[in-house]
N, C-alpha and C. Protein backbone atom coordinates (compact mmCIF):
# COMPACT_ATOMS: atom_id res chain seq x y z
N UNK A 1 66.50 183.43 62.46
CA UNK A 1 65.97 184.25 61.39
C UNK A 1 64.82 183.52 60.70
N UNK A 2 65.02 182.23 60.48
CA UNK A 2 63.98 181.41 59.85
C UNK A 2 62.68 181.51 60.64
N UNK A 3 62.77 181.37 61.95
CA UNK A 3 61.58 181.41 62.80
C UNK A 3 60.87 182.76 62.72
N UNK A 4 61.63 183.83 62.66
CA UNK A 4 61.04 185.17 62.57
C UNK A 4 60.21 185.29 61.29
N UNK A 5 60.75 184.84 60.17
CA UNK A 5 60.02 184.95 58.90
C UNK A 5 58.85 183.99 58.84
N UNK A 6 59.00 182.79 59.39
CA UNK A 6 57.88 181.84 59.42
C UNK A 6 56.74 182.44 60.24
N UNK A 7 57.06 183.02 61.37
CA UNK A 7 56.04 183.65 62.22
C UNK A 7 55.32 184.76 61.45
N UNK A 8 56.05 185.57 60.72
CA UNK A 8 55.45 186.64 59.92
C UNK A 8 54.50 186.07 58.87
N UNK A 9 54.92 185.03 58.18
CA UNK A 9 54.11 184.47 57.10
C UNK A 9 52.93 183.65 57.60
N UNK A 10 53.00 183.18 58.85
CA UNK A 10 51.93 182.37 59.40
C UNK A 10 50.79 183.17 60.03
N UNK A 11 50.92 184.47 60.12
CA UNK A 11 49.84 185.29 60.69
C UNK A 11 48.62 185.15 59.77
N UNK A 12 47.46 184.76 60.33
CA UNK A 12 46.26 184.63 59.49
C UNK A 12 45.95 185.95 58.77
N UNK A 13 45.41 185.84 57.58
CA UNK A 13 45.12 187.00 56.75
C UNK A 13 44.30 188.04 57.50
N UNK A 14 43.29 187.60 58.23
CA UNK A 14 42.42 188.55 58.92
C UNK A 14 43.12 189.26 60.09
N UNK A 15 44.22 188.71 60.57
CA UNK A 15 44.95 189.32 61.68
C UNK A 15 46.19 190.10 61.24
N UNK A 16 46.52 190.01 59.96
CA UNK A 16 47.76 190.62 59.49
C UNK A 16 47.62 192.12 59.32
N UNK A 17 48.63 192.85 59.79
CA UNK A 17 48.75 194.27 59.49
C UNK A 17 50.24 194.60 59.44
N UNK A 18 50.61 195.39 58.45
CA UNK A 18 52.03 195.73 58.31
C UNK A 18 52.54 196.43 59.56
N UNK A 19 51.73 197.34 60.08
CA UNK A 19 52.15 198.11 61.25
C UNK A 19 52.37 197.25 62.48
N UNK A 20 51.67 196.13 62.56
CA UNK A 20 51.81 195.26 63.73
C UNK A 20 52.70 194.06 63.40
N UNK A 21 52.32 193.29 62.41
CA UNK A 21 52.99 192.03 62.11
C UNK A 21 54.39 192.23 61.54
N UNK A 22 54.50 193.02 60.49
CA UNK A 22 55.80 193.24 59.85
C UNK A 22 56.72 194.05 60.77
N UNK A 23 56.15 195.00 61.49
CA UNK A 23 56.97 195.79 62.42
C UNK A 23 57.52 194.91 63.54
N UNK A 24 56.71 193.98 64.01
CA UNK A 24 57.17 193.05 65.04
C UNK A 24 58.30 192.17 64.52
N UNK A 25 58.17 191.70 63.28
CA UNK A 25 59.22 190.89 62.67
C UNK A 25 60.50 191.71 62.48
N UNK A 26 60.35 192.98 62.13
CA UNK A 26 61.52 193.85 61.97
C UNK A 26 62.22 194.05 63.31
N UNK A 27 61.45 194.28 64.36
CA UNK A 27 62.03 194.45 65.70
C UNK A 27 62.75 193.17 66.14
N UNK A 28 62.14 192.02 65.86
CA UNK A 28 62.77 190.74 66.22
C UNK A 28 64.06 190.52 65.43
N UNK A 29 64.05 190.91 64.16
CA UNK A 29 65.26 190.79 63.33
C UNK A 29 66.37 191.67 63.90
N UNK A 30 66.03 192.88 64.26
CA UNK A 30 67.03 193.78 64.84
C UNK A 30 67.56 193.23 66.16
N UNK A 31 66.68 192.71 67.00
CA UNK A 31 67.12 192.14 68.28
C UNK A 31 68.07 190.97 68.06
N UNK A 32 67.75 190.12 67.08
CA UNK A 32 68.62 189.00 66.76
C UNK A 32 69.97 189.51 66.26
N UNK A 33 69.94 190.48 65.36
CA UNK A 33 71.17 191.06 64.83
C UNK A 33 72.02 191.62 65.97
N UNK A 34 71.40 192.39 66.85
CA UNK A 34 72.14 193.00 67.96
C UNK A 34 72.74 191.93 68.88
N UNK A 35 72.03 190.82 69.07
CA UNK A 35 72.52 189.78 69.97
C UNK A 35 73.77 189.09 69.43
N UNK A 36 73.92 189.02 68.12
CA UNK A 36 75.09 188.33 67.56
C UNK A 36 76.22 189.29 67.19
N UNK A 37 75.97 190.58 67.27
CA UNK A 37 77.01 191.54 66.88
C UNK A 37 77.50 192.40 68.03
N UNK A 38 76.99 192.19 69.21
CA UNK A 38 77.37 193.04 70.34
C UNK A 38 78.70 192.57 70.93
N UNK A 39 79.76 192.89 70.24
CA UNK A 39 81.12 192.54 70.64
C UNK A 39 81.88 193.84 70.90
N UNK A 40 82.70 193.84 71.92
CA UNK A 40 83.43 195.07 72.28
C UNK A 40 84.48 195.46 71.24
N UNK A 41 85.04 194.49 70.56
CA UNK A 41 86.08 194.77 69.57
C UNK A 41 85.47 195.26 68.27
N UNK A 42 85.82 196.46 67.80
CA UNK A 42 85.25 196.96 66.54
C UNK A 42 85.51 196.04 65.35
N UNK A 43 86.69 195.44 65.29
CA UNK A 43 87.01 194.55 64.17
C UNK A 43 86.11 193.31 64.19
N UNK A 44 85.94 192.72 65.35
CA UNK A 44 85.07 191.53 65.44
C UNK A 44 83.61 191.91 65.22
N UNK A 45 83.21 193.08 65.71
CA UNK A 45 81.83 193.53 65.49
C UNK A 45 81.55 193.68 64.01
N UNK A 46 82.52 194.21 63.26
CA UNK A 46 82.35 194.35 61.81
C UNK A 46 82.23 192.98 61.13
N UNK A 47 83.06 192.03 61.53
CA UNK A 47 82.98 190.68 60.97
C UNK A 47 81.64 190.04 61.30
N UNK A 48 81.20 190.18 62.55
CA UNK A 48 79.92 189.60 62.96
C UNK A 48 78.76 190.28 62.23
N UNK A 49 78.86 191.59 62.03
CA UNK A 49 77.81 192.32 61.31
C UNK A 49 77.66 191.80 59.90
N UNK A 50 78.79 191.64 59.23
CA UNK A 50 78.77 191.14 57.85
C UNK A 50 78.13 189.76 57.80
N UNK A 51 78.55 188.86 58.67
CA UNK A 51 78.01 187.50 58.68
C UNK A 51 76.52 187.50 59.03
N UNK A 52 76.13 188.32 60.00
CA UNK A 52 74.73 188.37 60.41
C UNK A 52 73.85 188.90 59.28
N UNK A 53 74.30 189.93 58.59
CA UNK A 53 73.53 190.48 57.47
C UNK A 53 73.40 189.46 56.34
N UNK A 54 74.47 188.75 56.05
CA UNK A 54 74.41 187.71 55.01
C UNK A 54 73.39 186.64 55.38
N UNK A 55 73.31 186.30 56.66
CA UNK A 55 72.33 185.31 57.12
C UNK A 55 70.91 185.84 56.95
N UNK A 56 70.68 187.08 57.33
CA UNK A 56 69.35 187.69 57.19
C UNK A 56 68.91 187.65 55.73
N UNK A 57 69.76 188.12 54.83
CA UNK A 57 69.39 188.19 53.42
C UNK A 57 69.27 186.80 52.80
N UNK A 58 70.10 185.86 53.20
CA UNK A 58 69.99 184.49 52.68
C UNK A 58 68.65 183.87 53.04
N UNK A 59 68.20 184.10 54.27
CA UNK A 59 66.89 183.58 54.67
C UNK A 59 65.78 184.22 53.83
N UNK A 60 65.89 185.53 53.62
CA UNK A 60 64.91 186.21 52.77
C UNK A 60 64.87 185.55 51.40
N UNK A 61 66.02 185.34 50.79
CA UNK A 61 66.08 184.76 49.45
C UNK A 61 65.53 183.34 49.43
N UNK A 62 65.76 182.58 50.49
CA UNK A 62 65.20 181.23 50.55
C UNK A 62 63.67 181.27 50.55
N UNK A 63 63.09 182.24 51.24
CA UNK A 63 61.64 182.37 51.25
C UNK A 63 61.12 182.81 49.88
N UNK A 64 61.82 183.73 49.23
CA UNK A 64 61.42 184.17 47.89
C UNK A 64 61.45 182.99 46.94
N UNK A 65 62.50 182.19 47.04
CA UNK A 65 62.69 181.03 46.16
C UNK A 65 61.52 180.05 46.26
N UNK A 66 60.90 179.97 47.43
CA UNK A 66 59.83 179.00 47.66
C UNK A 66 58.43 179.57 47.49
N UNK A 67 58.30 180.87 47.33
CA UNK A 67 56.98 181.50 47.27
C UNK A 67 56.59 181.81 45.84
N UNK A 68 55.37 181.44 45.45
CA UNK A 68 54.90 181.83 44.11
C UNK A 68 54.86 183.35 43.99
N UNK A 69 55.07 183.83 42.79
CA UNK A 69 55.16 185.28 42.55
C UNK A 69 53.93 186.04 43.02
N UNK A 70 52.76 185.43 42.94
CA UNK A 70 51.53 186.13 43.30
C UNK A 70 51.03 185.78 44.70
N UNK A 71 51.82 185.13 45.49
CA UNK A 71 51.42 184.73 46.84
C UNK A 71 51.54 185.91 47.81
N UNK A 72 50.67 185.95 48.81
CA UNK A 72 50.69 187.04 49.79
C UNK A 72 52.00 187.09 50.59
N UNK A 73 52.72 185.99 50.62
CA UNK A 73 54.01 185.97 51.33
C UNK A 73 54.97 187.00 50.76
N UNK A 74 54.91 187.20 49.45
CA UNK A 74 55.81 188.18 48.83
C UNK A 74 55.56 189.58 49.40
N UNK A 75 54.30 189.96 49.52
CA UNK A 75 53.97 191.28 50.06
C UNK A 75 54.39 191.38 51.52
N UNK A 76 54.23 190.32 52.27
CA UNK A 76 54.63 190.35 53.67
C UNK A 76 56.14 190.50 53.82
N UNK A 77 56.89 189.86 52.93
CA UNK A 77 58.35 190.00 52.97
C UNK A 77 58.75 191.44 52.62
N UNK A 78 58.07 192.03 51.66
CA UNK A 78 58.33 193.44 51.32
C UNK A 78 57.96 194.33 52.51
N UNK A 79 56.82 194.06 53.13
CA UNK A 79 56.41 194.85 54.31
C UNK A 79 57.47 194.77 55.41
N UNK A 80 58.02 193.59 55.61
CA UNK A 80 59.07 193.40 56.61
C UNK A 80 60.29 194.27 56.29
N UNK A 81 60.69 194.29 55.01
CA UNK A 81 61.83 195.12 54.59
C UNK A 81 61.51 196.60 54.82
N UNK A 82 60.29 197.02 54.47
CA UNK A 82 59.89 198.42 54.68
C UNK A 82 59.99 198.77 56.16
N UNK A 83 59.51 197.89 57.01
CA UNK A 83 59.57 198.15 58.45
C UNK A 83 61.01 198.12 58.97
N UNK A 84 61.84 197.25 58.42
CA UNK A 84 63.27 197.28 58.79
C UNK A 84 63.87 198.64 58.47
N UNK A 85 63.54 199.16 57.29
CA UNK A 85 64.11 200.45 56.87
C UNK A 85 63.66 201.60 57.78
N UNK A 86 62.55 201.41 58.48
CA UNK A 86 62.06 202.44 59.39
C UNK A 86 62.81 202.47 60.72
N UNK A 87 63.58 201.41 61.00
CA UNK A 87 64.32 201.35 62.26
C UNK A 87 65.58 202.21 62.15
N UNK A 88 65.72 203.12 63.04
CA UNK A 88 66.92 203.97 63.10
C UNK A 88 67.76 203.45 64.26
N UNK A 89 68.74 202.62 63.96
CA UNK A 89 69.43 201.91 65.02
C UNK A 89 70.88 202.34 65.20
N UNK A 90 71.69 202.13 64.17
CA UNK A 90 73.11 202.42 64.30
C UNK A 90 73.75 202.55 62.93
N UNK A 91 74.99 202.99 62.93
CA UNK A 91 75.77 203.08 61.70
C UNK A 91 76.81 201.97 61.73
N UNK A 92 76.89 201.23 60.63
CA UNK A 92 77.91 200.19 60.49
C UNK A 92 79.01 200.70 59.57
N UNK A 93 80.18 200.17 59.75
CA UNK A 93 81.30 200.50 58.86
C UNK A 93 81.62 199.22 58.08
N UNK A 94 81.15 199.16 56.83
CA UNK A 94 81.34 197.99 55.99
C UNK A 94 81.95 198.45 54.68
N UNK A 95 82.98 197.74 54.25
CA UNK A 95 83.65 198.04 52.99
C UNK A 95 84.13 199.49 52.96
N UNK A 96 84.69 199.93 54.07
CA UNK A 96 85.24 201.28 54.22
C UNK A 96 84.21 202.39 54.02
N UNK A 97 82.96 202.07 54.30
CA UNK A 97 81.88 203.06 54.18
C UNK A 97 81.01 203.00 55.42
N UNK A 98 80.46 204.13 55.80
CA UNK A 98 79.46 204.15 56.85
C UNK A 98 78.10 203.89 56.22
N UNK A 99 77.40 202.91 56.76
CA UNK A 99 76.11 202.49 56.22
C UNK A 99 75.13 202.42 57.38
N UNK A 100 73.94 202.98 57.18
CA UNK A 100 72.92 202.96 58.22
C UNK A 100 72.22 201.61 58.26
N UNK A 101 72.25 200.99 59.42
CA UNK A 101 71.50 199.77 59.67
C UNK A 101 70.15 200.24 60.18
N UNK A 102 69.14 199.90 59.67
CA UNK A 102 68.64 199.12 58.57
C UNK A 102 68.22 199.99 57.39
N UNK A 103 68.27 201.26 57.57
CA UNK A 103 67.80 202.22 56.58
C UNK A 103 68.38 201.96 55.20
N UNK A 104 69.68 201.71 55.14
CA UNK A 104 70.36 201.52 53.86
C UNK A 104 70.35 200.07 53.38
N UNK A 105 69.76 199.17 54.16
CA UNK A 105 69.73 197.74 53.83
C UNK A 105 71.12 197.24 53.43
N UNK A 106 72.08 197.36 54.35
CA UNK A 106 73.45 197.02 54.01
C UNK A 106 73.61 195.60 53.49
N UNK A 107 74.35 195.50 52.41
CA UNK A 107 74.72 194.25 51.74
C UNK A 107 73.57 193.57 51.02
N UNK A 108 72.36 194.11 51.06
CA UNK A 108 71.25 193.46 50.36
C UNK A 108 71.52 193.39 48.86
N UNK A 109 71.93 194.50 48.26
CA UNK A 109 72.19 194.51 46.81
C UNK A 109 73.25 193.52 46.38
N UNK A 110 74.44 193.55 47.00
CA UNK A 110 75.47 192.58 46.62
C UNK A 110 75.06 191.13 46.88
N UNK A 111 74.37 190.89 47.99
CA UNK A 111 73.92 189.52 48.28
C UNK A 111 72.88 189.08 47.26
N UNK A 112 72.01 190.00 46.85
CA UNK A 112 71.00 189.71 45.83
C UNK A 112 71.67 189.25 44.54
N UNK A 113 72.68 190.00 44.09
CA UNK A 113 73.38 189.65 42.86
C UNK A 113 74.09 188.30 42.98
N UNK A 114 74.71 188.05 44.12
CA UNK A 114 75.37 186.76 44.32
C UNK A 114 74.36 185.63 44.29
N UNK A 115 73.23 185.83 44.93
CA UNK A 115 72.18 184.81 44.97
C UNK A 115 71.69 184.50 43.55
N UNK A 116 71.40 185.52 42.78
CA UNK A 116 70.92 185.36 41.41
C UNK A 116 71.94 184.57 40.59
N UNK A 117 73.20 184.92 40.71
CA UNK A 117 74.25 184.23 39.96
C UNK A 117 74.45 182.80 40.45
N UNK A 118 74.44 182.62 41.76
CA UNK A 118 74.70 181.30 42.34
C UNK A 118 73.62 180.29 41.96
N UNK A 119 72.38 180.73 41.93
CA UNK A 119 71.28 179.81 41.64
C UNK A 119 70.84 179.87 40.18
N UNK A 120 71.64 180.50 39.35
CA UNK A 120 71.40 180.53 37.91
C UNK A 120 69.97 180.94 37.57
N UNK A 121 69.53 182.03 38.15
CA UNK A 121 68.20 182.54 37.87
C UNK A 121 68.30 183.38 36.60
N UNK A 122 67.60 182.95 35.57
CA UNK A 122 67.63 183.65 34.29
C UNK A 122 66.22 184.04 33.88
N UNK A 123 66.08 185.13 33.14
CA UNK A 123 64.76 185.59 32.74
C UNK A 123 63.97 184.55 31.96
N UNK A 124 64.65 183.62 31.32
CA UNK A 124 63.94 182.64 30.49
C UNK A 124 63.29 181.52 31.31
N UNK A 125 63.75 181.30 32.53
CA UNK A 125 63.19 180.17 33.27
C UNK A 125 62.06 180.63 34.19
N UNK A 126 61.30 179.67 34.69
CA UNK A 126 60.15 179.96 35.53
C UNK A 126 60.52 180.53 36.89
N UNK A 127 61.74 180.27 37.35
CA UNK A 127 62.15 180.75 38.66
C UNK A 127 62.23 182.27 38.73
N UNK A 128 62.51 182.89 37.61
CA UNK A 128 62.76 184.33 37.64
C UNK A 128 61.53 185.14 38.01
N UNK A 129 60.33 184.62 37.76
CA UNK A 129 59.12 185.40 38.01
C UNK A 129 58.99 185.78 39.48
N UNK A 130 59.33 184.88 40.37
CA UNK A 130 59.21 185.20 41.80
C UNK A 130 60.23 186.26 42.23
N UNK A 131 61.44 186.19 41.67
CA UNK A 131 62.46 187.18 42.00
C UNK A 131 62.09 188.55 41.43
N UNK A 132 61.58 188.54 40.20
CA UNK A 132 61.14 189.81 39.59
C UNK A 132 59.98 190.40 40.37
N UNK A 133 59.03 189.55 40.78
CA UNK A 133 57.88 190.04 41.53
C UNK A 133 58.32 190.70 42.83
N UNK A 134 59.22 190.04 43.55
CA UNK A 134 59.71 190.61 44.80
C UNK A 134 60.44 191.92 44.55
N UNK A 135 61.34 191.91 43.58
CA UNK A 135 62.12 193.11 43.26
C UNK A 135 61.20 194.28 42.91
N UNK A 136 60.19 194.02 42.08
CA UNK A 136 59.28 195.08 41.66
C UNK A 136 58.45 195.61 42.83
N UNK A 137 57.97 194.70 43.70
CA UNK A 137 57.19 195.12 44.87
C UNK A 137 58.05 195.94 45.82
N UNK A 138 59.29 195.52 46.01
CA UNK A 138 60.17 196.24 46.92
C UNK A 138 60.45 197.65 46.41
N UNK A 139 60.64 197.77 45.11
CA UNK A 139 60.88 199.09 44.54
C UNK A 139 59.64 199.97 44.66
N UNK A 140 58.47 199.39 44.40
CA UNK A 140 57.22 200.15 44.44
C UNK A 140 56.83 200.52 45.87
N UNK A 141 56.82 199.54 46.77
CA UNK A 141 56.31 199.76 48.12
C UNK A 141 57.38 200.19 49.12
N UNK A 142 58.61 199.77 48.85
CA UNK A 142 59.67 200.05 49.81
C UNK A 142 60.64 201.12 49.37
N UNK A 143 60.51 201.57 48.12
CA UNK A 143 61.39 202.60 47.63
C UNK A 143 62.84 202.19 47.53
N UNK A 144 63.08 200.90 47.38
CA UNK A 144 64.45 200.41 47.30
C UNK A 144 64.60 199.61 46.01
N UNK A 145 65.57 199.97 45.20
CA UNK A 145 65.77 199.30 43.90
C UNK A 145 66.88 198.27 43.99
N UNK A 146 66.55 197.05 43.58
CA UNK A 146 67.55 196.00 43.45
C UNK A 146 67.88 195.88 41.97
N UNK A 147 69.12 196.11 41.63
CA UNK A 147 69.53 196.08 40.23
C UNK A 147 70.05 194.70 39.88
N UNK A 148 69.73 194.26 38.67
CA UNK A 148 70.22 192.97 38.21
C UNK A 148 70.12 192.91 36.70
N UNK A 149 70.15 191.73 36.18
CA UNK A 149 70.20 191.55 34.73
C UNK A 149 68.85 191.77 34.05
N UNK A 150 67.80 192.06 34.78
CA UNK A 150 66.48 192.25 34.16
C UNK A 150 66.21 193.72 33.87
N UNK A 151 67.19 194.57 33.91
CA UNK A 151 66.95 196.01 33.77
C UNK A 151 66.30 196.36 32.46
């Protein structure tokens, strides 16, 4: 997952396009997800899906943590999420609910809240600006709202 996001962020500005670069990263993310969750047992597939999604979102949060709020990397990460949401792949059964992978961005909201709490991100400190910037861009460009303590 790390390599997929590094590749996305390393595309030179003049060569970057959401339709090409972010879509390619989304396809690679889906291929990686499918490779670690393709188990015949539904119970094991659900466990693997949960773990794989947590890994995807944790990598995203690590990149947000390291990127300045106004850096182009933030927009590329949002573009990647938008392109993920465009993939119509399969339905997962998580927490006794059917959730569309990737359309519904399963577990992103709960993982976001855990990340914020775990790393003690508060509106008063300088770290919060990058998280707020990402959250606001995702809501504006991706149509997905991440709720947290900054409401």
